[in-house]
Protein backbone atom coordinates (compact mmCIF):
# COMPACT_ATOMS: atom_id res chain seq x y z
CA UNK A 1 58.44 332.99 70.05
CA UNK A 2 60.95 330.30 69.28
CA UNK A 3 63.10 330.91 66.22
CA UNK A 4 65.95 328.61 67.06
CA UNK A 5 64.79 325.42 65.12
CA UNK A 6 62.00 324.17 62.95
CA UNK A 7 58.87 323.04 64.65
CA UNK A 8 56.59 320.22 63.78
CA UNK A 9 53.21 320.81 62.57
CA UNK A 10 50.81 318.00 63.41
CA UNK A 11 47.17 318.17 62.41
CA UNK A 12 47.73 320.87 59.77
CA UNK A 13 46.80 320.32 56.12
CA UNK A 14 49.94 319.49 54.21
CA UNK A 15 51.22 321.70 51.34
CA UNK A 16 52.87 319.65 48.59
CA UNK A 17 55.40 320.55 45.93
CA UNK A 18 52.77 321.48 43.28
CA UNK A 19 50.98 323.76 45.62
CA UNK A 20 54.18 325.34 46.68
CA UNK A 21 55.22 325.95 42.98
CA UNK A 22 51.78 327.43 42.43
CA UNK A 23 52.31 329.79 45.46
CA UNK A 24 55.62 331.05 44.17
CA UNK A 25 54.32 331.58 40.60
CA UNK A 26 51.52 333.61 41.97
CA UNK A 27 53.82 336.08 43.44
CA UNK A 28 55.72 336.53 40.17
CA UNK A 29 53.10 336.19 37.49
CA UNK A 30 52.95 339.01 35.01
CA UNK A 31 52.52 342.27 36.75
CA UNK A 32 55.96 343.74 36.44
CA UNK A 33 56.25 342.13 33.01
CA UNK A 34 53.29 344.16 31.74
CA UNK A 35 54.16 347.41 33.39
CA UNK A 36 57.90 348.15 32.90
CA UNK A 37 59.19 345.69 30.16
CA UNK A 38 59.03 348.47 27.58
CA UNK A 39 60.93 351.00 29.64
CA UNK A 40 63.59 348.34 30.46
CA UNK A 41 64.21 347.59 26.89
CA UNK A 42 64.45 351.25 25.78
CA UNK A 43 67.35 351.32 28.40
CA UNK A 44 68.69 347.91 27.17
CA UNK A 45 68.77 348.76 23.51
CA UNK A 46 69.48 345.21 22.24
CA UNK A 47 67.59 342.78 20.06
CA UNK A 48 67.74 339.95 22.54
CA UNK A 49 66.43 339.64 26.17
CA UNK A 50 69.78 339.80 27.82
CA UNK A 51 68.37 341.80 30.66
CA UNK A 52 65.75 339.09 31.62
CA UNK A 53 68.45 336.44 31.41
CA UNK A 54 70.66 338.31 33.73
CA UNK A 55 67.81 339.24 36.10
CA UNK A 56 66.85 335.54 36.40
CA UNK A 57 70.39 334.62 37.25
CA UNK A 58 70.66 337.40 39.84
CA UNK A 59 67.48 336.44 41.61
CA UNK A 60 68.83 332.85 42.01
CA UNK A 61 71.17 334.02 44.78
CA UNK A 62 68.35 335.68 46.63
CA UNK A 63 66.29 332.39 46.19
CA UNK A 64 69.13 330.33 47.57
CA UNK A 65 69.55 332.62 50.68
CA UNK A 66 65.77 332.71 51.39
CA UNK A 67 65.27 328.98 50.91
CA UNK A 68 68.06 328.18 53.35
CA UNK A 69 66.42 330.52 55.93
CA UNK A 70 62.90 329.24 55.39
CA UNK A 71 63.81 325.57 55.65
CA UNK A 72 65.88 326.08 58.80
CA UNK A 73 63.42 328.46 60.42
CA UNK A 74 59.94 327.66 59.17
CA UNK A 75 57.26 329.84 60.72
CA UNK A 76 54.81 332.78 60.31
CA UNK A 77 56.00 336.20 59.29
CA UNK A 78 57.82 335.29 56.00
CA UNK A 79 60.42 337.80 54.95
CA UNK A 80 59.90 339.87 58.06
CA UNK A 81 60.92 336.96 60.21
CA UNK A 82 64.22 336.53 58.46
CA UNK A 83 65.68 339.90 59.56
CA UNK A 84 65.04 338.94 63.13
CA UNK A 85 66.68 335.53 62.63
CA UNK A 86 69.75 337.02 60.79
CA UNK A 87 70.42 340.14 62.98
CA UNK A 88 68.54 339.24 66.27
CA UNK A 89 66.01 341.60 68.01
CA UNK A 90 67.96 344.75 67.53
CA UNK A 91 68.24 347.83 65.57
CA UNK A 92 69.09 346.27 62.27
CA UNK A 93 66.17 343.81 62.25
CA UNK A 94 63.72 346.67 63.27
CA UNK A 95 64.93 348.91 60.49
CA UNK A 96 65.05 346.16 57.89
CA UNK A 97 61.49 345.11 58.52
CA UNK A 98 60.19 348.74 58.25
CA UNK A 99 62.08 349.19 55.00
CA UNK A 100 60.68 345.87 53.75
CA UNK A 101 57.25 347.19 54.48
CA UNK A 102 58.08 350.14 52.24
CA UNK A 103 59.32 347.82 49.50
CA UNK A 104 55.91 346.13 49.25
CA UNK A 105 54.09 349.48 49.23
CA UNK A 106 56.25 350.51 46.25
CA UNK A 107 55.55 347.28 44.48
CA UNK A 108 51.82 347.73 45.11
CA UNK A 109 51.89 351.25 43.65
CA UNK A 110 53.81 349.98 40.60
CA UNK A 111 51.10 347.33 39.87
CA UNK A 112 48.22 349.81 40.39
CA UNK A 113 50.02 352.26 38.08
CA UNK A 114 50.49 349.46 35.50
CA UNK A 115 46.65 348.71 35.73
CA UNK A 116 45.89 352.45 34.92
CA UNK A 117 48.33 352.37 32.00
CA UNK A 118 46.52 349.39 30.37
CA UNK A 119 43.13 350.96 31.00
CA UNK A 120 44.45 353.96 29.17
CA UNK A 121 45.60 351.64 26.32
CA UNK A 122 42.09 350.27 26.05
CA UNK A 123 40.29 353.57 26.41
CA UNK A 124 42.54 355.52 24.04
CA UNK A 125 42.04 359.25 24.44
CA UNK A 126 38.72 358.94 26.34
CA UNK A 127 40.43 359.22 29.80
CA UNK A 128 42.76 361.85 30.98
CA UNK A 129 46.01 361.08 32.86
CA UNK A 130 44.42 362.31 36.05
CA UNK A 131 41.38 360.11 35.63
CA UNK A 132 43.61 357.04 34.97
CA UNK A 133 45.46 357.76 38.25
CA UNK A 134 42.16 357.88 40.03
CA UNK A 135 41.41 354.34 38.51
CA UNK A 136 44.64 353.15 40.10
CA UNK A 137 43.51 354.66 43.34
CA UNK A 138 40.11 352.89 43.00
CA UNK A 139 41.81 349.51 42.41
CA UNK A 140 43.75 349.88 45.59
CA UNK A 141 40.60 350.82 47.51
CA UNK A 142 38.81 347.84 46.03
CA UNK A 143 41.43 345.28 47.10
CA UNK A 144 41.84 346.88 50.54
CA UNK A 145 38.23 345.97 50.98
CA UNK A 146 38.76 342.46 49.58
CA UNK A 147 41.61 342.08 52.13
CA UNK A 148 39.30 343.21 54.93
CA UNK A 149 37.11 340.26 54.10
CA UNK A 150 39.77 337.77 54.97
CA UNK A 151 42.94 335.95 53.70
CA UNK A 152 40.91 333.06 52.19
CA UNK A 153 39.27 335.43 49.76
CA UNK A 154 42.62 336.89 48.81
CA UNK A 155 43.98 333.56 47.89
CA UNK A 156 40.91 332.50 45.83
CA UNK A 157 40.87 335.82 43.90
CA UNK A 158 44.65 335.49 43.18
CA UNK A 159 44.37 331.92 41.98
CA UNK A 160 41.63 332.72 39.43
CA UNK A 161 43.40 335.79 38.05
CA UNK A 162 46.85 334.11 37.85
CA UNK A 163 45.53 331.22 35.82
CA UNK A 164 43.97 333.45 33.18
CA UNK A 165 47.13 335.50 32.94
CA UNK A 166 49.38 332.47 32.46
CA UNK A 167 46.96 331.27 29.65
CA UNK A 168 47.20 334.64 27.91
CA UNK A 169 51.00 334.68 28.05
CA UNK A 170 51.18 331.12 26.62
CA UNK A 171 48.92 332.18 23.73
CA UNK A 172 51.04 335.28 23.12
CA UNK A 173 54.20 333.22 23.19
CA UNK A 174 52.89 330.45 20.80
CA UNK A 175 51.25 332.87 18.27
CA UNK A 176 54.31 335.12 18.19
CA UNK A 177 56.87 332.35 17.83
CA UNK A 178 54.92 331.14 14.74
CA UNK A 179 55.47 334.55 13.12
CA UNK A 180 58.94 335.54 13.87
CA UNK A 181 62.26 334.60 12.30
CA UNK A 182 64.59 333.84 15.16
CA UNK A 183 67.84 336.00 15.01
CA UNK A 184 71.17 335.58 16.63
CA UNK A 185 71.81 337.93 19.53
CA UNK A 186 73.93 340.85 18.44
CA UNK A 187 76.40 342.63 20.68
CA UNK A 188 77.10 345.41 18.14
CA UNK A 189 76.27 348.84 19.71
CA UNK A 190 75.34 347.32 23.11
CA UNK A 191 76.08 349.55 26.12
CA UNK A 192 76.53 347.33 29.04
CA UNK A 193 75.42 350.10 31.37
CA UNK A 194 72.12 350.09 29.65
CA UNK A 195 71.78 346.29 29.86
CA UNK A 196 72.58 346.35 33.63
CA UNK A 197 70.06 349.11 34.21
CA UNK A 198 67.45 347.19 32.43
CA UNK A 199 68.40 344.05 34.46
CA UNK A 200 68.03 346.05 37.70
CA UNK A 201 64.60 347.34 36.55
CA UNK A 202 63.41 343.87 35.67
CA UNK A 203 64.43 342.46 39.02
CA UNK A 204 60.99 343.46 40.49
CA UNK A 205 59.37 340.79 38.22
CA UNK A 206 60.90 338.13 40.40
CA UNK A 207 60.57 339.53 43.91
CA UNK A 208 57.37 337.42 44.69
CA UNK A 209 59.09 334.06 44.62
CA UNK A 210 59.11 333.89 48.45
CA UNK A 211 55.29 333.72 48.84
CA UNK A 212 55.61 329.89 49.40
CA UNK A 213 57.63 330.68 52.57
CA UNK A 214 54.45 331.55 54.37
CA UNK A 215 53.28 327.85 53.94
CA UNK A 216 56.43 326.19 55.18
CA UNK A 217 54.89 325.28 58.43
CA UNK A 218 52.18 323.36 56.59
CA UNK A 219 54.67 321.14 54.72
CA UNK A 220 55.61 317.67 55.69
CA UNK A 221 59.17 318.21 54.58
CA UNK A 222 59.85 322.02 54.20
CA UNK A 223 63.62 321.48 53.93
CA UNK A 224 63.11 319.87 50.51
CA UNK A 225 59.84 321.25 49.35
CA UNK A 226 60.46 325.05 49.99
CA UNK A 227 63.72 325.27 47.87
CA UNK A 228 62.42 322.93 45.18
CA UNK A 229 59.25 324.86 44.86
CA UNK A 230 61.14 328.22 44.58
CA UNK A 231 63.70 326.96 42.02
CA UNK A 232 61.02 325.24 39.88
CA UNK A 233 58.90 328.38 39.90
CA UNK A 234 61.96 330.51 38.99
CA UNK A 235 62.78 328.18 36.06
CA UNK A 236 59.19 328.16 34.79
CA UNK A 237 58.75 331.87 35.06
CA UNK A 238 62.26 332.72 33.63
CA UNK A 239 61.55 330.55 30.55
CA UNK A 240 58.13 332.10 30.07
CA UNK A 241 59.39 335.57 30.42
CA UNK A 242 62.37 335.00 28.23
CA UNK A 243 60.06 333.85 25.35
CA UNK A 244 57.47 336.53 25.88
CA UNK A 245 60.06 339.31 25.92
CA UNK A 246 61.89 337.78 22.90
CA UNK A 247 58.73 337.65 20.88
CA UNK A 248 57.81 341.25 21.87
CA UNK A 249 61.29 342.56 20.95
CA UNK A 250 61.38 340.74 17.51
CA UNK A 251 57.88 341.74 16.63
CA UNK A 252 57.77 345.33 17.67
CA UNK A 253 59.63 347.95 15.69
CA UNK A 254 61.72 350.38 17.80
CA UNK A 255 59.67 353.40 16.96
CA UNK A 256 56.42 351.61 18.04
CA UNK A 257 58.12 350.39 21.15
CA UNK A 258 59.24 353.99 22.02
CA UNK A 259 55.71 355.16 21.64
CA UNK A 260 54.22 352.34 23.62
CA UNK A 261 56.82 351.83 26.36
CA UNK A 262 54.03 351.18 29.02
CA UNK A 263 52.10 348.88 26.67
CA UNK A 264 54.88 347.05 24.89
CA UNK A 265 53.13 343.62 24.90
CA UNK A 266 49.90 345.21 23.77
CA UNK A 267 51.71 346.79 20.88
CA UNK A 268 53.34 343.54 19.98
CA UNK A 269 49.98 341.58 20.42
CA UNK A 270 48.35 344.03 17.91
CA UNK A 271 50.97 343.29 15.39
CA UNK A 272 50.55 339.53 15.90
CA UNK A 273 46.71 339.28 16.01
CA UNK A 274 45.37 342.70 15.31
CA UNK A 275 42.92 344.50 17.80
CA UNK A 276 41.81 341.20 19.24
CA UNK A 277 45.39 340.37 20.22
CA UNK A 278 45.92 343.76 21.81
CA UNK A 279 42.68 343.45 23.81
CA UNK A 280 43.66 339.97 25.09
CA UNK A 281 46.98 341.24 26.33
CA UNK A 282 45.39 344.38 27.78
CA UNK A 283 42.95 342.19 29.70
CA UNK A 284 45.67 339.89 30.85
CA UNK A 285 47.64 342.87 31.99
CA UNK A 286 44.64 344.23 33.97
CA UNK A 287 44.24 340.84 35.63
CA UNK A 288 47.88 340.47 36.46
CA UNK A 289 48.22 343.99 37.90
CA UNK A 290 44.93 343.44 39.85
CA UNK A 291 46.21 340.13 41.32
CA UNK A 292 49.53 341.76 42.18
CA UNK A 293 47.83 344.65 43.94
CA UNK A 294 45.61 342.23 45.83
CA UNK A 295 48.60 340.05 46.92
CA UNK A 296 51.11 342.79 47.68
CA UNK A 297 48.87 345.08 49.73
CA UNK A 298 47.93 341.93 51.70
CA UNK A 299 51.67 341.10 52.24
CA UNK A 300 52.55 344.74 53.13
CA UNK A 301 49.69 344.96 55.76
CA UNK A 302 50.87 341.52 57.22
CA UNK A 303 54.47 342.87 57.47
CA UNK A 304 53.35 345.92 59.29
CA UNK A 305 51.22 343.91 61.63
CA UNK A 306 54.31 341.71 62.24
CA UNK A 307 56.47 344.83 62.94
CA UNK A 308 53.83 346.13 65.40
CA UNK A 309 52.69 343.00 67.08
CA UNK A 310 55.00 340.12 66.58
CA UNK A 311 58.39 341.77 66.81
CA UNK A 312 58.42 343.96 69.89
CA UNK A 313 61.94 344.94 69.22
CA UNK A 314 60.74 347.08 66.30
CA UNK A 315 57.21 348.10 67.21
CA UNK A 316 57.59 351.88 67.52
CA UNK A 317 54.39 352.20 65.56
CA UNK A 318 52.23 350.32 68.15
CA UNK A 319 50.98 353.52 69.82
CA UNK A 320 50.14 355.04 66.40
CA UNK A 321 48.22 352.05 65.15
CA UNK A 322 46.87 350.42 68.32
CA UNK A 323 45.55 346.95 68.22
CA UNK A 324 42.79 347.27 65.60
CA UNK A 325 43.61 344.63 62.81
CA UNK A 326 42.35 346.93 60.11
CA UNK A 327 44.49 349.81 60.69
CA UNK A 328 47.79 348.43 59.08
CA UNK A 329 45.84 347.81 55.97
CA UNK A 330 44.22 351.15 55.84
CA UNK A 331 47.57 352.95 56.48
CA UNK A 332 49.17 350.78 53.71
CA UNK A 333 46.42 351.62 51.30
CA UNK A 334 46.76 355.34 52.06
CA UNK A 335 50.49 355.41 51.40
CA UNK A 336 50.17 353.47 48.17
CA UNK A 337 47.54 356.05 46.97
CA UNK A 338 49.94 358.92 47.62
CA UNK A 339 52.64 357.22 45.63
CA UNK A 340 50.21 356.56 42.60
CA UNK A 341 49.18 360.08 42.56
CA UNK A 342 52.60 361.61 42.82
CA UNK A 343 54.99 359.33 40.82
CA UNK A 344 54.76 358.08 37.16
CA UNK A 345 54.86 354.36 36.52
CA UNK A 346 58.52 354.11 35.52
CA UNK A 347 59.62 356.01 38.55
CA UNK A 348 57.69 353.69 40.91
CA UNK A 349 59.14 350.69 39.18
CA UNK A 350 62.68 351.77 39.48
CA UNK A 351 62.15 352.60 43.10
CA UNK A 352 60.63 349.30 43.77
CA UNK A 353 63.31 347.38 42.17
CA UNK A 354 66.01 349.38 44.05
CA UNK A 355 64.31 348.84 47.31
CA UNK A 356 64.09 345.07 46.86
CA UNK A 357 67.75 344.89 45.77
CA UNK A 358 68.78 346.69 48.84
CA UNK A 359 66.64 344.52 51.05
CA UNK A 360 68.02 341.17 49.62
CA UNK A 361 71.55 342.52 49.88
CA UNK A 362 70.96 343.34 53.66
CA UNK A 363 69.33 339.82 54.12
CA UNK A 364 72.30 338.03 52.54
CA UNK A 365 74.88 339.94 54.60
CA UNK A 366 72.80 339.12 57.74
CA UNK A 367 72.71 335.49 56.64
CA UNK A 368 76.46 335.35 56.81
CA UNK A 369 76.20 335.66 60.58
CA UNK A 370 74.28 332.35 60.86
CA UNK A 371 75.31 330.45 57.74
CA UNK A 372 76.54 327.52 59.85
CA UNK A 373 73.07 326.98 61.24
CA UNK A 374 71.42 327.07 57.76
CA UNK A 375 74.20 325.15 55.99
CA UNK A 376 74.45 328.01 53.34
CA UNK A 377 77.67 328.39 51.45
CA UNK A 378 79.17 331.83 52.48
CA UNK A 379 80.75 332.56 49.01
CA UNK A 380 77.26 332.28 47.56
CA UNK A 381 75.90 334.73 50.03
CA UNK A 382 78.82 337.15 49.48
CA UNK A 383 78.47 336.98 45.75
CA UNK A 384 74.71 337.39 45.87
CA UNK A 385 74.94 340.47 48.13
CA UNK A 386 77.50 341.92 45.76
CA UNK A 387 75.46 341.38 42.60
CA UNK A 388 72.36 342.82 44.18
CA UNK A 389 74.30 345.82 45.33
CA UNK A 390 75.93 346.44 42.03
CA UNK A 391 72.55 346.29 40.28
CA UNK A 392 71.22 348.75 42.94
CA UNK A 393 74.23 351.03 42.18
CA UNK A 394 73.49 351.08 38.39
CA UNK A 395 69.92 351.81 38.90
CA UNK A 396 70.65 354.48 41.48
CA UNK A 397 73.08 356.30 39.29
CA UNK A 398 70.67 356.02 36.30
CA UNK A 399 67.92 357.54 38.61
CA UNK A 400 70.22 360.39 39.56
CA UNK A 401 70.71 361.16 35.94
CA UNK A 402 67.11 360.71 34.55
CA UNK A 403 64.69 360.99 37.47
CA UNK A 404 66.38 362.50 40.69
CA UNK A 405 63.05 362.75 42.49
CA UNK A 406 62.91 358.92 42.65
CA UNK A 407 66.41 358.98 44.35
CA UNK A 408 65.33 361.67 46.76
CA UNK A 409 62.19 359.64 47.80
CA UNK A 410 64.30 356.44 48.19
CA UNK A 411 66.76 358.34 50.39
CA UNK A 412 63.98 359.72 52.36
CA UNK A 413 62.55 356.21 52.79
CA UNK A 414 65.92 354.83 53.99
CA UNK A 415 66.58 357.80 56.21
CA UNK A 416 63.01 357.92 57.61
CA UNK A 417 62.87 354.26 58.58
CA UNK A 418 66.31 354.53 60.12
CA UNK A 419 65.23 357.61 62.11
CA UNK A 420 62.07 356.06 63.16
CA UNK A 421 63.75 352.98 64.54
CA UNK A 422 66.50 354.98 66.16
CA UNK A 423 63.97 357.26 67.77
CA UNK A 424 62.01 354.33 69.18
CA UNK A 425 65.16 352.68 70.72
CA UNK A 426 66.22 356.01 72.30
CA UNK A 427 62.84 356.31 73.87
CA UNK A 428 63.13 352.76 75.20
CA UNK A 429 66.48 353.57 76.76
CA UNK A 430 65.28 356.83 78.12
CA UNK A 431 62.34 355.22 79.88
CA UNK A 432 64.52 352.41 81.16
CA UNK A 433 62.33 349.80 79.54
CA UNK A 434 63.54 346.27 78.68
CA UNK A 435 63.18 345.06 75.27
CA UNK A 436 60.79 341.99 75.30
CA UNK A 437 62.32 338.58 74.47
CA UNK A 438 61.03 336.19 71.80
């Protein structure tokens, strides 16, 4: 496998800027917004979406780093490829890819838990908490089956669901803006620790911006199209999320927000347009979470396949999974189901954000090794890695204080992937085997 330079793609249908923007939007549309917005603003405590503004700025550094890597080294594998490019076929790239796999499992569990929460909002007291968790499990099983049918069906399902969600959020924003009296942002009583914790929690809303990377080989000029698509998509989604969150904060009284943290937009929509409004948002939330489960479990299984098959330097799971293409998907679905059954929604959301913050920090630090090849500015990479790590630290400390079980799981995930990669490499050295070259 040649990762030294971009390769031409003749005879491949070209992906243009509009399609690239749509791919990036599909990875960010709605699911995290519906599932953890209320919890983030309970931590924030302000009357203005400072946290979304800061999160959208923080993600720009990750977009910059990924766009430089994607345009210099277009090819299959997406984010899993970048660790290999930055660190080479060694211990770090193997561990980072295993950890990235867990990142997407946590994201999938978050979206499935969000789906269950909005089913609960629609059903009221008709369904118990245990039954709602089982509905989340059922959603994962359903989209695991959809993924088994092929990638083209995954894309078709996602496109339809995302379009409907986008329309619902535009309706919510327009209707809400007509009913609120804009206020100036107030800094009185603001605790910046809370704002930064909320910023870190909301980071998960933007992690799907890189879905366009997978299409870079099908672009006539990926060096221009990929970064433009990413930055345009980030601009569109940041503006939409800012307006949506601003309307929700201004419309929803604090006591109502506290009682409906997992259904903040639904509570706001009920104030705006009555029961019809809450049902529209609940339906949009279900569609967004379903689309996100569909896309993220697909991505997770592809990353695991890449770890096992495409990256021999980190394929310690090859013996366990064999060559059957469905096994990575089934393993991924099984782990996600366990996460849904054991952890509450807010805990999974925090773990997912912490995991992606850590992953992008490691990616940017690795990028510093090859910034001359990519043309990236090293100070941007240093600053991005620092910002991501600081946000991770705030959320980590908050987890120790409020939900230590989430920190224990995250530490086990980091330690487990490190141990797995180390064990594999020790076995290779013991057997005197040579690592395959790419």
